[in-house]
């Protein structure tokens, strides 16, 4: 039975990689950006944690900055470790191209947010729900936005009974404004991850971001650190 499950997971991995690289080949004909992401979590004790995050987003492979995002927050874990409520702050620098031009304009945003994350497990599939409410101060404008994130994690090869060595990752996140137009964007992602040790894992994935009238493709390289 264990061998059957392993073969099934390897087939899922092969299919995911095939679809991912097929999408990447098609994306080469369009705008393909790159996001370098670091996500860290520092446990203060069994209940409290500090979240910190850096995202360096490029219009192309690297060197043409689209956005720099810095985010941090204080979280509280409850319900036997399955739920976490966090209050945080983010600073976002966007370098937006002016229409029909190679010139850019810098946009500064300060963001306050509240979020609730919830974990559950169905068989060997791990699910993660995240509900986030943002108050955004974009230059002289004030906006509010709601985000819902649904992610799943499927182990392919395990280090031991508790930790997967190689895993598949996928998520969908929708962004909704409190004012018109309500739909802001939607992100669809698929990737492959690897645990270097119990505290550090790396992930490589492909994401398509849908806007109201356009879409963008990104390669995501992500490092997760828990300590």
N, C-alpha and C. Protein backbone atom coordinates (compact mmCIF):
# COMPACT_ATOMS: atom_id res chain seq x y z
N UNK A 1 0.82 -1.20 0.00
CA UNK A 1 0.00 0.00 0.00
C UNK A 1 0.86 1.26 0.00
N UNK A 2 1.96 1.23 0.80
CA UNK A 2 2.85 2.39 0.86
C UNK A 2 3.48 2.64 -0.50
N UNK A 3 3.86 1.56 -1.22
CA UNK A 3 4.48 1.71 -2.54
C UNK A 3 3.50 2.30 -3.54
N UNK A 4 2.22 1.91 -3.43
CA UNK A 4 1.19 2.44 -4.33
C UNK A 4 1.02 3.94 -4.11
N UNK A 5 0.97 4.35 -2.82
CA UNK A 5 0.83 5.77 -2.50
C UNK A 5 2.03 6.57 -3.01
N UNK A 6 3.25 6.00 -2.86
CA UNK A 6 4.45 6.69 -3.31
C UNK A 6 4.43 6.87 -4.82
N UNK A 7 4.07 5.81 -5.55
CA UNK A 7 4.00 5.90 -7.01
C UNK A 7 2.97 6.92 -7.45
N UNK A 8 1.85 6.98 -6.72
CA UNK A 8 0.79 7.94 -7.04
C UNK A 8 1.29 9.37 -6.86
N UNK A 9 2.02 9.60 -5.78
CA UNK A 9 2.53 10.95 -5.52
C UNK A 9 3.60 11.34 -6.53
N UNK A 10 4.44 10.38 -6.93
CA UNK A 10 5.45 10.68 -7.94
C UNK A 10 4.79 11.02 -9.27
N UNK A 11 3.70 10.34 -9.61
CA UNK A 11 2.98 10.66 -10.84
C UNK A 11 2.38 12.07 -10.78
N UNK A 12 1.86 12.44 -9.60
CA UNK A 12 1.33 13.80 -9.42
C UNK A 12 2.44 14.83 -9.61
N UNK A 13 3.62 14.53 -9.04
CA UNK A 13 4.76 15.44 -9.18
C UNK A 13 5.14 15.60 -10.64
N UNK A 14 5.23 14.47 -11.37
CA UNK A 14 5.61 14.54 -12.79
C UNK A 14 4.59 15.33 -13.60
N UNK A 15 3.30 15.12 -13.29
CA UNK A 15 2.25 15.85 -14.01
C UNK A 15 2.33 17.34 -13.70
N UNK A 16 2.54 17.68 -12.44
CA UNK A 16 2.64 19.09 -12.05
C UNK A 16 3.81 19.78 -12.72
N UNK A 17 4.97 19.10 -12.73
CA UNK A 17 6.14 19.68 -13.39
C UNK A 17 5.91 19.85 -14.88
N UNK A 18 5.26 18.86 -15.50
CA UNK A 18 4.97 18.96 -16.92
C UNK A 18 4.07 20.13 -17.25
N UNK A 19 3.01 20.29 -16.46
CA UNK A 19 2.09 21.41 -16.68
C UNK A 19 2.78 22.75 -16.41
N UNK A 20 3.63 22.76 -15.38
CA UNK A 20 4.31 23.99 -15.01
C UNK A 20 5.26 24.46 -16.12
N UNK A 21 6.08 23.54 -16.62
CA UNK A 21 7.05 23.93 -17.64
C UNK A 21 6.38 24.18 -18.98
N UNK A 22 5.25 23.52 -19.22
CA UNK A 22 4.48 23.82 -20.43
C UNK A 22 3.94 25.23 -20.37
N UNK A 23 3.43 25.62 -19.19
CA UNK A 23 2.93 26.99 -19.02
C UNK A 23 4.04 28.00 -19.14
N UNK A 24 5.23 27.65 -18.62
CA UNK A 24 6.36 28.56 -18.70
C UNK A 24 6.79 28.78 -20.14
N UNK A 25 6.76 27.72 -20.93
CA UNK A 25 7.14 27.84 -22.33
C UNK A 25 6.20 28.78 -23.06
N UNK A 26 4.90 28.68 -22.77
CA UNK A 26 3.92 29.58 -23.37
C UNK A 26 4.12 31.00 -22.87
N UNK A 27 4.47 31.13 -21.59
CA UNK A 27 4.62 32.46 -20.98
C UNK A 27 5.81 33.21 -21.55
N UNK A 28 6.79 32.49 -22.14
CA UNK A 28 7.94 33.17 -22.71
C UNK A 28 7.52 34.12 -23.82
N UNK A 29 6.36 33.86 -24.42
CA UNK A 29 5.88 34.72 -25.50
C UNK A 29 5.19 35.98 -24.96
N UNK A 30 4.93 36.02 -23.64
CA UNK A 30 4.27 37.17 -23.04
C UNK A 30 5.19 37.77 -21.97
N UNK A 31 4.65 38.66 -21.14
CA UNK A 31 5.43 39.25 -20.07
C UNK A 31 5.65 38.22 -18.97
N UNK A 32 6.89 37.88 -18.70
CA UNK A 32 7.21 36.90 -17.66
C UNK A 32 8.08 37.57 -16.61
N UNK A 33 7.53 37.71 -15.41
CA UNK A 33 8.26 38.35 -14.33
C UNK A 33 8.82 37.34 -13.36
N UNK A 34 9.56 37.84 -12.37
CA UNK A 34 10.18 36.99 -11.37
C UNK A 34 10.00 37.60 -10.00
N UNK A 35 9.52 36.78 -9.03
CA UNK A 35 9.38 37.23 -7.65
C UNK A 35 10.34 36.44 -6.78
N UNK A 36 11.19 37.14 -6.05
CA UNK A 36 12.07 36.54 -5.05
C UNK A 36 11.46 36.84 -3.69
N UNK A 37 11.13 35.79 -2.93
CA UNK A 37 10.33 35.95 -1.72
C UNK A 37 11.02 35.27 -0.53
N UNK A 38 11.10 35.99 0.58
CA UNK A 38 11.53 35.41 1.86
C UNK A 38 10.39 35.58 2.86
N UNK A 39 9.99 34.48 3.50
CA UNK A 39 8.93 34.51 4.51
C UNK A 39 9.48 33.86 5.78
N UNK A 40 9.54 34.64 6.85
CA UNK A 40 10.08 34.14 8.11
C UNK A 40 9.06 34.17 9.23
N UNK A 41 9.25 33.27 10.19
CA UNK A 41 8.37 33.21 11.36
C UNK A 41 9.21 32.91 12.59
N UNK A 42 9.17 33.82 13.55
CA UNK A 42 9.91 33.66 14.79
C UNK A 42 8.94 33.39 15.93
N UNK A 43 9.08 32.21 16.57
CA UNK A 43 8.22 31.87 17.70
C UNK A 43 8.78 32.52 18.97
N UNK A 44 7.92 33.30 19.63
CA UNK A 44 8.31 33.89 20.92
C UNK A 44 8.09 32.86 22.03
N UNK A 45 6.93 32.21 21.99
CA UNK A 45 6.61 31.09 22.88
C UNK A 45 5.59 30.23 22.16
N UNK A 46 4.86 29.38 22.89
CA UNK A 46 3.90 28.48 22.27
C UNK A 46 2.70 29.20 21.67
N UNK A 47 2.47 30.42 22.07
CA UNK A 47 1.29 31.16 21.61
C UNK A 47 1.64 32.29 20.64
N UNK A 48 2.71 33.03 20.94
CA UNK A 48 3.00 34.26 20.20
C UNK A 48 4.10 34.04 19.16
N UNK A 49 3.98 34.76 18.05
CA UNK A 49 4.99 34.68 16.99
C UNK A 49 5.13 36.02 16.28
N UNK A 50 6.29 36.22 15.66
CA UNK A 50 6.56 37.42 14.85
C UNK A 50 6.74 36.99 13.39
N UNK A 51 5.93 37.57 12.53
CA UNK A 51 6.03 37.30 11.09
C UNK A 51 6.86 38.40 10.44
N UNK A 52 7.74 38.02 9.51
CA UNK A 52 8.51 39.00 8.75
C UNK A 52 8.68 38.48 7.32
N UNK A 53 8.69 39.42 6.37
CA UNK A 53 8.58 39.02 4.96
C UNK A 53 9.21 40.09 4.07
N UNK A 54 9.94 39.62 3.05
CA UNK A 54 10.51 40.49 2.03
C UNK A 54 10.20 39.90 0.66
N UNK A 55 9.65 40.73 -0.22
CA UNK A 55 9.39 40.29 -1.59
C UNK A 55 10.01 41.30 -2.56
N UNK A 56 10.82 40.78 -3.48
CA UNK A 56 11.46 41.60 -4.50
C UNK A 56 10.89 41.15 -5.85
N UNK A 57 10.01 41.97 -6.42
CA UNK A 57 9.27 41.59 -7.61
C UNK A 57 9.81 42.33 -8.83
N UNK A 58 10.06 41.59 -9.91
CA UNK A 58 10.64 42.14 -11.12
C UNK A 58 9.69 41.99 -12.30
N UNK A 59 9.78 42.94 -13.24
CA UNK A 59 9.02 42.82 -14.48
C UNK A 59 9.57 41.70 -15.35
N UNK A 60 10.90 41.47 -15.28
CA UNK A 60 11.52 40.43 -16.08
C UNK A 60 12.24 39.46 -15.16
N UNK A 61 13.30 38.78 -15.65
CA UNK A 61 13.99 37.78 -14.83
C UNK A 61 14.55 38.41 -13.56
N UNK A 62 15.27 39.51 -13.69
CA UNK A 62 15.76 40.24 -12.52
C UNK A 62 16.35 41.57 -13.00
N UNK A 63 16.26 42.59 -12.17
CA UNK A 63 16.90 43.85 -12.48
C UNK A 63 15.96 44.97 -12.89
N UNK A 64 14.72 44.64 -13.20
CA UNK A 64 13.74 45.68 -13.57
C UNK A 64 12.65 45.67 -12.49
N UNK A 65 12.88 46.43 -11.42
CA UNK A 65 12.01 46.37 -10.25
C UNK A 65 10.58 46.77 -10.57
N UNK A 66 9.66 45.90 -10.19
CA UNK A 66 8.24 46.20 -10.26
C UNK A 66 7.72 46.64 -8.90
N UNK A 67 8.15 45.90 -7.85
CA UNK A 67 7.63 46.20 -6.52
C UNK A 67 8.55 45.62 -5.45
N UNK A 68 8.77 46.39 -4.39
CA UNK A 68 9.46 45.92 -3.20
C UNK A 68 8.47 45.94 -2.05
N UNK A 69 8.29 44.78 -1.41
CA UNK A 69 7.30 44.66 -0.35
C UNK A 69 7.99 44.20 0.93
N UNK A 70 7.78 44.95 2.01
CA UNK A 70 8.28 44.59 3.34
C UNK A 70 7.08 44.48 4.27
N UNK A 71 7.00 43.36 4.98
CA UNK A 71 5.81 43.15 5.81
C UNK A 71 6.23 42.47 7.12
N UNK A 72 5.59 42.88 8.22
CA UNK A 72 5.84 42.26 9.51
C UNK A 72 4.55 42.28 10.33
N UNK A 73 4.50 41.45 11.38
CA UNK A 73 3.29 41.40 12.20
C UNK A 73 3.48 40.55 13.44
N UNK A 74 2.57 40.72 14.38
CA UNK A 74 2.56 39.96 15.63
C UNK A 74 1.34 39.06 15.63
N UNK A 75 1.58 37.75 15.83
CA UNK A 75 0.50 36.79 15.77
C UNK A 75 0.28 36.05 17.08
N UNK A 76 -0.95 35.55 17.24
CA UNK A 76 -1.32 34.76 18.42
C UNK A 76 -1.97 33.47 17.95
N UNK A 77 -1.44 32.33 18.41
CA UNK A 77 -1.93 31.01 18.01
C UNK A 77 -2.90 30.47 19.05
N UNK A 78 -3.99 29.89 18.57
CA UNK A 78 -4.99 29.33 19.49
C UNK A 78 -5.65 28.11 18.86
N UNK A 79 -6.59 27.55 19.58
CA UNK A 79 -7.31 26.36 19.13
C UNK A 79 -6.35 25.21 18.82
N UNK A 80 -5.47 24.94 19.81
CA UNK A 80 -4.50 23.85 19.73
C UNK A 80 -3.58 23.96 18.53
N UNK A 81 -3.23 25.18 18.17
CA UNK A 81 -2.25 25.40 17.12
C UNK A 81 -2.78 25.40 15.71
N UNK A 82 -4.08 25.26 15.53
CA UNK A 82 -4.63 25.21 14.16
C UNK A 82 -5.01 26.58 13.62
N UNK A 83 -5.15 27.57 14.50
CA UNK A 83 -5.54 28.92 14.07
C UNK A 83 -4.54 29.95 14.57
N UNK A 84 -4.35 31.01 13.77
CA UNK A 84 -3.46 32.09 14.17
C UNK A 84 -4.08 33.42 13.74
N UNK A 85 -4.16 34.35 14.68
CA UNK A 85 -4.64 35.70 14.38
C UNK A 85 -3.45 36.64 14.43
N UNK A 86 -3.29 37.47 13.39
CA UNK A 86 -2.11 38.31 13.29
C UNK A 86 -2.50 39.73 12.87
N UNK A 87 -1.83 40.70 13.48
CA UNK A 87 -1.99 42.11 13.12
C UNK A 87 -0.63 42.59 12.62
N UNK A 88 -0.63 43.26 11.45
CA UNK A 88 0.66 43.60 10.88
C UNK A 88 0.68 44.91 10.13
N UNK A 89 1.89 45.24 9.65
CA UNK A 89 2.14 46.45 8.88
C UNK A 89 2.98 46.09 7.66
N UNK A 90 2.72 46.77 6.54
CA UNK A 90 3.51 46.54 5.35
C UNK A 90 3.87 47.86 4.66
N UNK A 91 5.08 47.88 4.08
CA UNK A 91 5.49 49.00 3.24
C UNK A 91 5.73 48.47 1.84
N UNK A 92 5.15 49.13 0.84
CA UNK A 92 5.25 48.68 -0.54
C UNK A 92 5.71 49.84 -1.42
N UNK A 93 6.81 49.63 -2.13
CA UNK A 93 7.28 50.57 -3.13
C UNK A 93 7.01 49.98 -4.51
N UNK A 94 6.20 50.66 -5.30
CA UNK A 94 5.87 50.19 -6.65
C UNK A 94 6.53 51.11 -7.68
N UNK A 95 7.12 50.50 -8.69
CA UNK A 95 7.71 51.23 -9.81
C UNK A 95 6.85 50.95 -11.04
N UNK A 96 5.90 51.85 -11.31
CA UNK A 96 4.92 51.62 -12.37
C UNK A 96 5.35 52.31 -13.67
N UNK A 97 5.26 51.56 -14.76
CA UNK A 97 5.56 52.15 -16.06
C UNK A 97 4.44 53.10 -16.48
N UNK A 98 4.82 54.25 -17.04
CA UNK A 98 3.85 55.17 -17.62
C UNK A 98 3.43 54.64 -18.98
N UNK A 99 2.14 54.69 -19.27
CA UNK A 99 1.60 54.12 -20.52
C UNK A 99 2.34 54.66 -21.74
N UNK A 100 2.66 53.73 -22.65
CA UNK A 100 3.33 54.08 -23.92
C UNK A 100 4.64 54.80 -23.70
N UNK A 101 5.37 54.34 -22.65
CA UNK A 101 6.63 54.99 -22.32
C UNK A 101 7.54 54.00 -21.61
N UNK A 102 8.84 54.27 -21.62
CA UNK A 102 9.80 53.48 -20.85
C UNK A 102 10.11 54.13 -19.51
N UNK A 103 9.41 55.21 -19.21
CA UNK A 103 9.60 55.91 -17.95
C UNK A 103 8.73 55.29 -16.85
N UNK A 104 9.19 55.46 -15.61
CA UNK A 104 8.48 54.91 -14.47
C UNK A 104 8.10 56.02 -13.49
N UNK A 105 7.09 55.71 -12.67
CA UNK A 105 6.72 56.59 -11.57
C UNK A 105 6.70 55.75 -10.29
N UNK A 106 7.26 56.28 -9.22
CA UNK A 106 7.32 55.57 -7.94
C UNK A 106 6.07 55.85 -7.12
N UNK A 107 5.48 54.79 -6.56
CA UNK A 107 4.29 54.91 -5.73
C UNK A 107 4.57 54.25 -4.39
N UNK A 108 4.37 54.99 -3.30
CA UNK A 108 4.60 54.48 -1.95
C UNK A 108 3.27 54.12 -1.28
N UNK A 109 3.28 52.98 -0.63
CA UNK A 109 2.07 52.53 0.08
C UNK A 109 2.44 52.04 1.47
N UNK A 110 1.66 52.48 2.46
CA UNK A 110 1.74 51.96 3.82
C UNK A 110 0.46 51.19 4.08
N UNK A 111 0.61 50.01 4.65
CA UNK A 111 -0.54 49.13 4.76
C UNK A 111 -0.64 48.54 6.17
N UNK A 112 -1.82 48.58 6.75
CA UNK A 112 -2.13 47.90 8.00
C UNK A 112 -3.06 46.75 7.67
N UNK A 113 -2.84 45.60 8.29
CA UNK A 113 -3.70 44.46 7.96
C UNK A 113 -3.95 43.57 9.18
N UNK A 114 -5.07 42.87 9.13
CA UNK A 114 -5.43 41.88 10.12
C UNK A 114 -5.73 40.57 9.37
N UNK A 115 -5.27 39.46 9.90
CA UNK A 115 -5.51 38.21 9.20
C UNK A 115 -5.75 37.05 10.16
N UNK A 116 -6.53 36.09 9.69
CA UNK A 116 -6.78 34.85 10.42
C UNK A 116 -6.40 33.70 9.51
N UNK A 117 -5.52 32.81 9.98
CA UNK A 117 -5.17 31.62 9.23
C UNK A 117 -5.66 30.39 9.97
N UNK A 118 -6.08 29.41 9.20
CA UNK A 118 -6.62 28.17 9.75
C UNK A 118 -6.06 26.98 8.98
N UNK A 119 -5.56 25.99 9.70
CA UNK A 119 -4.98 24.80 9.09
C UNK A 119 -5.90 23.59 9.29
N UNK A 120 -5.94 22.72 8.28
CA UNK A 120 -6.65 21.46 8.43
C UNK A 120 -5.99 20.42 7.54
N UNK A 121 -6.31 19.15 7.80
CA UNK A 121 -5.69 18.06 7.04
C UNK A 121 -6.76 17.08 6.61
N UNK A 122 -6.75 16.73 5.32
CA UNK A 122 -7.66 15.74 4.76
C UNK A 122 -6.81 14.64 4.15
N UNK A 123 -6.72 13.49 4.84
CA UNK A 123 -5.80 12.45 4.39
C UNK A 123 -4.38 12.95 4.50
N UNK A 124 -3.61 12.85 3.41
CA UNK A 124 -2.24 13.37 3.43
C UNK A 124 -2.16 14.78 2.85
N UNK A 125 -3.30 15.38 2.51
CA UNK A 125 -3.33 16.73 1.95
C UNK A 125 -3.52 17.75 3.07
N UNK A 126 -2.64 18.73 3.12
CA UNK A 126 -2.74 19.81 4.10
C UNK A 126 -3.40 21.02 3.45
N UNK A 127 -4.39 21.59 4.10
CA UNK A 127 -5.08 22.78 3.61
C UNK A 127 -4.78 23.97 4.51
N UNK A 128 -4.70 25.14 3.89
CA UNK A 128 -4.45 26.36 4.65
C UNK A 128 -5.40 27.45 4.15
N UNK A 129 -6.21 27.98 5.06
CA UNK A 129 -7.11 29.09 4.74
C UNK A 129 -6.54 30.36 5.37
N UNK A 130 -6.58 31.46 4.60
CA UNK A 130 -6.15 32.74 5.16
C UNK A 130 -7.15 33.82 4.76
N UNK A 131 -7.64 34.54 5.77
CA UNK A 131 -8.58 35.65 5.56
C UNK A 131 -7.85 36.92 6.00
N UNK A 132 -7.69 37.86 5.06
CA UNK A 132 -6.91 39.07 5.37
C UNK A 132 -7.70 40.32 4.99
N UNK A 133 -7.73 41.28 5.90
CA UNK A 133 -8.38 42.57 5.66
C UNK A 133 -7.32 43.65 5.72
N UNK A 134 -7.24 44.49 4.66
CA UNK A 134 -6.17 45.48 4.55
C UNK A 134 -6.71 46.90 4.51
N UNK A 135 -6.02 47.78 5.21
CA UNK A 135 -6.27 49.22 5.13
C UNK A 135 -5.03 49.83 4.45
N UNK A 136 -5.21 50.41 3.26
CA UNK A 136 -4.10 50.79 2.41
C UNK A 136 -4.02 52.31 2.26
N UNK A 137 -2.85 52.86 2.56
CA UNK A 137 -2.60 54.28 2.39
C UNK A 137 -1.64 54.43 1.20
N UNK A 138 -2.22 54.64 0.02
CA UNK A 138 -1.46 54.70 -1.23
C UNK A 138 -1.28 56.17 -1.60
N UNK A 139 -0.07 56.71 -1.34
CA UNK A 139 0.17 58.14 -1.51
C UNK A 139 -0.90 58.93 -0.74
N UNK A 140 -1.75 59.70 -1.42
CA UNK A 140 -2.78 60.48 -0.73
C UNK A 140 -4.15 59.80 -0.75
N UNK A 141 -4.19 58.56 -1.20
CA UNK A 141 -5.46 57.84 -1.33
C UNK A 141 -5.57 56.79 -0.23
N UNK A 142 -6.80 56.53 0.20
CA UNK A 142 -7.07 55.50 1.22
C UNK A 142 -7.99 54.45 0.62
N UNK A 143 -7.59 53.17 0.73
CA UNK A 143 -8.38 52.08 0.18
C UNK A 143 -8.45 50.95 1.20
N UNK A 144 -9.47 50.10 1.04
CA UNK A 144 -9.59 48.89 1.85
C UNK A 144 -9.81 47.70 0.94
N UNK A 145 -9.31 46.55 1.37
CA UNK A 145 -9.38 45.37 0.52
C UNK A 145 -9.46 44.10 1.37
N UNK A 146 -10.23 43.12 0.87
CA UNK A 146 -10.34 41.81 1.51
C UNK A 146 -9.70 40.76 0.62
N UNK A 147 -8.96 39.82 1.23
CA UNK A 147 -8.30 38.76 0.48
C UNK A 147 -8.63 37.40 1.11
N UNK A 148 -8.91 36.43 0.24
CA UNK A 148 -9.10 35.05 0.73
C UNK A 148 -8.13 34.14 -0.01
N UNK A 149 -7.35 33.38 0.76
CA UNK A 149 -6.30 32.50 0.24
C UNK A 149 -6.65 31.06 0.63
N UNK A 150 -6.65 30.17 -0.36
CA UNK A 150 -6.82 28.74 -0.11
C UNK A 150 -5.62 28.01 -0.70
N UNK A 151 -4.81 27.40 0.16
CA UNK A 151 -3.62 26.70 -0.29
C UNK A 151 -3.66 25.23 0.08
N UNK A 152 -2.97 24.41 -0.70
CA UNK A 152 -2.87 23.00 -0.38
C UNK A 152 -1.43 22.54 -0.56
N UNK A 153 -1.08 21.52 0.22
CA UNK A 153 0.27 20.98 0.24
C UNK A 153 0.16 19.46 0.21
N UNK A 154 0.82 18.83 -0.79
CA UNK A 154 0.76 17.38 -0.94
C UNK A 154 2.17 16.82 -0.86
N UNK A 155 2.50 16.02 0.17
CA UNK A 155 3.84 15.43 0.26
C UNK A 155 4.05 14.38 -0.83
N UNK A 156 5.25 14.36 -1.39
CA UNK A 156 5.60 13.36 -2.41
C UNK A 156 6.60 12.37 -1.86
N UNK A 157 7.69 12.86 -1.29
CA UNK A 157 8.69 12.02 -0.63
C UNK A 157 8.89 12.56 0.78
N UNK A 158 8.95 11.67 1.77
CA UNK A 158 9.05 12.11 3.16
C UNK A 158 10.43 11.85 3.74
N UNK A 159 10.84 12.77 4.62
CA UNK A 159 12.05 12.55 5.41
C UNK A 159 11.76 11.58 6.55
N UNK A 160 10.63 11.81 7.22
CA UNK A 160 10.20 10.97 8.33
C UNK A 160 8.69 11.06 8.40
N UNK A 161 8.10 10.58 9.48
CA UNK A 161 6.64 10.56 9.61
C UNK A 161 6.05 11.96 9.75
N UNK A 162 6.88 12.93 10.18
CA UNK A 162 6.36 14.25 10.45
C UNK A 162 6.65 15.26 9.34
N UNK A 163 7.72 15.06 8.61
CA UNK A 163 8.17 16.07 7.66
C UNK A 163 8.33 15.51 6.26
N UNK A 164 7.73 16.18 5.28
CA UNK A 164 7.90 15.78 3.90
C UNK A 164 9.21 16.36 3.35
N UNK A 165 9.90 15.60 2.50
CA UNK A 165 11.14 16.07 1.90
C UNK A 165 10.83 16.86 0.63
N UNK A 166 10.01 16.29 -0.24
CA UNK A 166 9.55 16.97 -1.46
C UNK A 166 8.03 17.05 -1.42
N UNK A 167 7.48 18.17 -1.80
CA UNK A 167 6.04 18.33 -1.74
C UNK A 167 5.56 19.20 -2.90
N UNK A 168 4.29 19.08 -3.20
CA UNK A 168 3.64 19.93 -4.19
C UNK A 168 2.85 21.01 -3.46
N UNK A 169 2.85 22.20 -4.02
CA UNK A 169 2.14 23.31 -3.41
C UNK A 169 1.28 23.99 -4.46
N UNK A 170 0.07 24.38 -4.07
CA UNK A 170 -0.82 25.10 -4.97
C UNK A 170 -1.70 26.03 -4.14
N UNK A 171 -2.08 27.15 -4.73
CA UNK A 171 -3.02 28.02 -4.04
C UNK A 171 -3.79 28.88 -5.02
N UNK A 172 -4.91 29.38 -4.53
CA UNK A 172 -5.66 30.42 -5.24
C UNK A 172 -6.00 31.50 -4.23
N UNK A 173 -5.78 32.76 -4.64
CA UNK A 173 -6.10 33.89 -3.75
C UNK A 173 -6.86 34.94 -4.54
N UNK A 174 -7.98 35.35 -4.00
CA UNK A 174 -8.81 36.37 -4.64
C UNK A 174 -8.75 37.65 -3.80
N UNK A 175 -8.70 38.80 -4.48
CA UNK A 175 -8.63 40.11 -3.85
C UNK A 175 -9.91 40.87 -4.20
N UNK A 176 -10.60 41.41 -3.19
CA UNK A 176 -11.84 42.14 -3.41
C UNK A 176 -11.76 43.51 -2.75
N UNK A 177 -12.07 44.54 -3.50
CA UNK A 177 -12.10 45.90 -2.96
C UNK A 177 -13.43 46.17 -2.26
N UNK A 178 -13.41 47.11 -1.34
CA UNK A 178 -14.66 47.48 -0.65
C UNK A 178 -15.46 48.48 -1.48
N UNK A 179 -14.82 49.06 -2.50
CA UNK A 179 -15.50 49.98 -3.40
C UNK A 179 -15.37 49.47 -4.83
N UNK A 180 -16.11 50.04 -5.75
CA UNK A 180 -16.05 49.60 -7.14
C UNK A 180 -14.73 50.05 -7.78
N UNK A 181 -14.19 49.22 -8.72
CA UNK A 181 -14.73 47.90 -9.00
C UNK A 181 -14.32 46.93 -7.89
N UNK A 182 -15.27 46.04 -7.55
CA UNK A 182 -15.06 45.16 -6.40
C UNK A 182 -13.92 44.19 -6.66
N UNK A 183 -13.90 43.57 -7.86
CA UNK A 183 -12.84 42.62 -8.17
C UNK A 183 -11.53 43.35 -8.40
N UNK A 184 -10.50 42.96 -7.66
CA UNK A 184 -9.18 43.58 -7.80
C UNK A 184 -8.25 42.70 -8.62
N UNK A 185 -8.09 41.43 -8.19
CA UNK A 185 -7.23 40.49 -8.89
C UNK A 185 -7.41 39.09 -8.33
N UNK A 186 -6.85 38.10 -9.04
CA UNK A 186 -6.86 36.72 -8.58
C UNK A 186 -5.50 36.10 -8.92
N UNK A 187 -4.95 35.36 -7.96
CA UNK A 187 -3.65 34.71 -8.17
C UNK A 187 -3.82 33.19 -8.11
N UNK A 188 -3.31 32.53 -9.14
CA UNK A 188 -3.35 31.06 -9.22
C UNK A 188 -1.92 30.57 -9.32
N UNK A 189 -1.54 29.64 -8.42
CA UNK A 189 -0.13 29.25 -8.29
C UNK A 189 0.01 27.74 -8.16
N UNK A 190 1.09 27.21 -8.74
CA UNK A 190 1.47 25.82 -8.55
C UNK A 190 2.97 25.69 -8.48
N UNK A 191 3.49 24.86 -7.57
CA UNK A 191 4.94 24.76 -7.44
C UNK A 191 5.38 23.47 -6.76
N UNK A 192 6.69 23.34 -6.63
CA UNK A 192 7.34 22.19 -6.00
C UNK A 192 8.25 22.70 -4.90
N UNK A 193 8.20 22.07 -3.73
CA UNK A 193 9.01 22.50 -2.60
C UNK A 193 9.92 21.41 -2.09
N UNK A 194 10.99 21.84 -1.38
CA UNK A 194 11.98 20.91 -0.83
C UNK A 194 12.39 21.38 0.56
N UNK A 195 12.34 20.46 1.54
CA UNK A 195 12.77 20.75 2.90
C UNK A 195 14.28 20.51 3.04
N UNK A 196 15.04 21.58 3.28
CA UNK A 196 16.46 21.40 3.56
C UNK A 196 16.68 20.86 4.96
N UNK A 197 15.88 21.34 5.91
CA UNK A 197 15.87 20.82 7.26
C UNK A 197 14.51 21.14 7.88
N UNK A 198 14.33 20.93 9.17
CA UNK A 198 13.03 21.12 9.79
C UNK A 198 12.61 22.59 9.86
N UNK A 199 13.58 23.50 9.71
CA UNK A 199 13.28 24.93 9.82
C UNK A 199 13.25 25.66 8.49
N UNK A 200 13.89 25.12 7.47
CA UNK A 200 14.05 25.84 6.20
C UNK A 200 13.56 24.99 5.03
N UNK A 201 12.74 25.62 4.19
CA UNK A 201 12.31 24.97 2.95
C UNK A 201 12.33 25.97 1.81
N UNK A 202 12.56 25.46 0.62
CA UNK A 202 12.61 26.26 -0.59
C UNK A 202 11.52 25.81 -1.55
N UNK A 203 11.01 26.75 -2.33
CA UNK A 203 9.91 26.44 -3.24
C UNK A 203 10.09 27.18 -4.56
N UNK A 204 9.84 26.47 -5.65
CA UNK A 204 9.87 27.05 -6.99
C UNK A 204 8.51 26.85 -7.63
N UNK A 205 7.91 27.94 -8.13
CA UNK A 205 6.57 27.81 -8.68
C UNK A 205 6.26 28.81 -9.77
N UNK A 206 5.14 28.60 -10.40
CA UNK A 206 4.64 29.46 -11.47
C UNK A 206 3.31 30.04 -11.04
N UNK A 207 3.15 31.34 -11.24
CA UNK A 207 1.91 32.01 -10.84
C UNK A 207 1.38 32.85 -11.98
N UNK A 208 0.06 32.78 -12.16
CA UNK A 208 -0.60 33.68 -13.10
C UNK A 208 -1.51 34.59 -12.30
N UNK A 209 -1.37 35.88 -12.54
CA UNK A 209 -2.15 36.89 -11.82
C UNK A 209 -3.15 37.53 -12.78
N UNK A 210 -4.43 37.34 -12.48
CA UNK A 210 -5.50 37.86 -13.33
C UNK A 210 -5.99 39.20 -12.80
N UNK A 211 -6.01 40.19 -13.68
CA UNK A 211 -6.63 41.47 -13.36
C UNK A 211 -7.95 41.57 -14.13
N UNK A 212 -8.62 42.70 -14.01
CA UNK A 212 -9.92 42.84 -14.66
C UNK A 212 -9.80 42.76 -16.18
N UNK A 213 -8.74 43.35 -16.74
CA UNK A 213 -8.61 43.38 -18.20
C UNK A 213 -7.28 42.84 -18.71
N UNK A 214 -6.49 42.21 -17.85
CA UNK A 214 -5.19 41.70 -18.27
C UNK A 214 -4.74 40.61 -17.32
N UNK A 215 -3.56 40.03 -17.61
CA UNK A 215 -2.98 39.05 -16.70
C UNK A 215 -1.46 39.10 -16.83
N UNK A 216 -0.76 38.60 -15.81
CA UNK A 216 0.70 38.57 -15.78
C UNK A 216 1.16 37.20 -15.32
N UNK A 217 2.32 36.76 -15.84
CA UNK A 217 2.92 35.49 -15.43
C UNK A 217 4.17 35.78 -14.61
N UNK A 218 4.37 34.98 -13.55
CA UNK A 218 5.55 35.16 -12.71
C UNK A 218 6.15 33.81 -12.35
N UNK A 219 7.48 33.78 -12.26
CA UNK A 219 8.20 32.67 -11.64
C UNK A 219 8.45 33.08 -10.19
N UNK A 220 8.06 32.24 -9.25
CA UNK A 220 8.25 32.53 -7.84
C UNK A 220 9.33 31.64 -7.25
N UNK A 221 10.31 32.24 -6.60
CA UNK A 221 11.32 31.51 -5.83
C UNK A 221 11.16 31.94 -4.38
N UNK A 222 10.82 30.99 -3.51
CA UNK A 222 10.39 31.32 -2.15
C UNK A 222 11.23 30.56 -1.14
N UNK A 223 11.66 31.25 -0.08
CA UNK A 223 12.34 30.63 1.04
C UNK A 223 11.48 30.83 2.30
N UNK A 224 11.18 29.75 3.01
CA UNK A 224 10.42 29.80 4.25
C UNK A 224 11.36 29.43 5.40
N UNK A 225 11.40 30.26 6.43
CA UNK A 225 12.27 30.00 7.58
C UNK A 225 11.46 30.13 8.86
N UNK A 226 11.50 29.08 9.68
CA UNK A 226 10.87 29.08 11.00
C UNK A 226 11.97 28.89 12.05
N UNK A 227 11.97 29.75 13.05
CA UNK A 227 12.98 29.61 14.09
C UNK A 227 12.48 30.17 15.42
